[in-house]
Amino acid sequence: MKRNSVKKLFRSVGALCAAGVIALSVMTGSVVTADYEDDIDALQRKQEALAEERRQLEASLGEYEQNAEEHEKYLEIYDEKMKVQEQEIANIKEQISLLNDSIAELEEQIKGKEAEVAEGIEEFKARLRAMYMNGNDSIASMLAGSTDFYDILARTELMERMSRHDKEMIDDLNEKITALNNDKSALEQTKAETEQKKAEAESVLADLQKTYAEHEETKEWYEAQAEYSRNRTEEIKQEEADAEVELQEYIRKQQEELERKREEERKRREEEERKRREEEQRRKEEEERKRREEEEQKRLEAEAQGIEYVPEPEPEPEEDDSSEDTYQYVTGASQGFIWPCPTVLNITDRYGYRTIAEEGGSSDFHKGIDINKPGCAGEPIVASAAGTVIRASNTGNGYGIHVLIDHGDKISTLYGHMSSCCVNVGDEVAQGQTIGYIGCTGYAYGNHCHFEVRVNGETVDPLNYVSMG
């Protein structure tokens, strides 16, 4: 009974010591992990800020490109309008040129008619001057030269006809001059009206050119903004990629630190077990020594009393149940991996290069497998193996809400595009434990689970570790 009590007490003390070692190890591990956690948090905040800036730029880019296209259409419309207006102005100029030719032609005709009138008037004036200079002698001469009365009448009528002819000729010429002047006035009026049309058409053209220039300037501004958005987006993508590389390096260091702490814990446990075994061995040896001394004392006392001494049977050796208390760390990776979506048994995209139809047939390297089926939103995602959660958030790096689990042996798994996750950084999860639910967050074109397996920080084909069977 006494030996059993001592044994139980010793085991209790050993258990307390082991618990102390475990607590110290956990605390130490937490401190070490926290060293990298600050860097990881800073990088994740940087990624989130970059992702938000990129989302705003991409939204603005679409708006800028759309506005630039609209103004390009306006330019095409106004260019066509200007061509029509320029053609109209050219036609008006042609009309004005024709009117100028017609007016010039009329002016020449008027000059000719005016010359004829002037000539006829001069001849008439000359005859009048001659008649005036001759006075009555002319009439007398006409009478004297006449043979008879009828001849006088004939000569008088001839003179009247000549005078009337001159008057009619001059009147006719004046009428023609008046008609020509009227035609000229009408042409000049038409020309003035046409000139007004030309001025109005040129004013319309100037307005069209001004509007065209404004649309062209606005279009160039939108194109410049779109170009800046495209360039900045590419810069952000590179910054995100650099941040992701740096983040993965910190995660790799974090995993190495976890592995180191696990190894330290294993060694601590082994040392504690060694000390416990040594102490147990010393206890057994001491108990055996005391038992033998007691047996020898009893034998001597029996001999002194002349009593036959019958030794007590030796106690049965205690069962060595130390194996029950032996610490042995078993990594999640050593237990094997299971399919991460137990209710969704379908793969749409595999590991390796792929063509993305939604992005115009562009190609990229797919770092995992995509698991989905119609109506899979909200289906559970489970830990493929036991391990420690080292990321559980939406860092804006394209994975959306995602969880990264370290399984030991430098192996980790990532579960992306979750609608939500139900674990936190630092949680120890069991194989098959629900860690989140299928969603469409991050860069995704539908509800699915993006599943990655990483070895020493580098992605490998997950189908080398899991299967749907």
Foldseek 3Di string as FASTA:
>chain_A
DVLVVVVVVLVVVLVVVLVVLVVVLVVVLVVVLVVLVVVLVVLLQVLQVLLVLLVVLVVLLVVLVVLLVVLVVVLVVLVVVLVVLVVVLVVLVVVLVVLVVVLVVLVVVLVVLVVVLVVLVVVVVVVVVVCVVCDCVVVVCQVVPAPDDVSSVVVVVVVVVVVVVSVVSNVVSVVVSVVSVVVSVVSVVVSVVSVVVSVVSVVVSVVSVVVSVVSVVSSVVSVVSSVVSVVVSVVSLVVLVVSVVVSLVSVLVSLVSVQVSVVVSLVVLVVSLVVSVVVVVVSVVVVVVVLVVVQVVQCVVCVVVVHHDDGDDDDDDDDPPSVVVRDDDDFQVNVAFEAFQLVFADWDDFAAKDFDVVVVRDIDGQLEIKTDDPPQFFGFTWGRTWFFWADAAASSSQQFGKIWGRRPQQKIKMKGAFPHFDDDGGDTGHHGHTGGGWHHGGPGDGTTIGMFMDHSSGTDGCVVGYHND
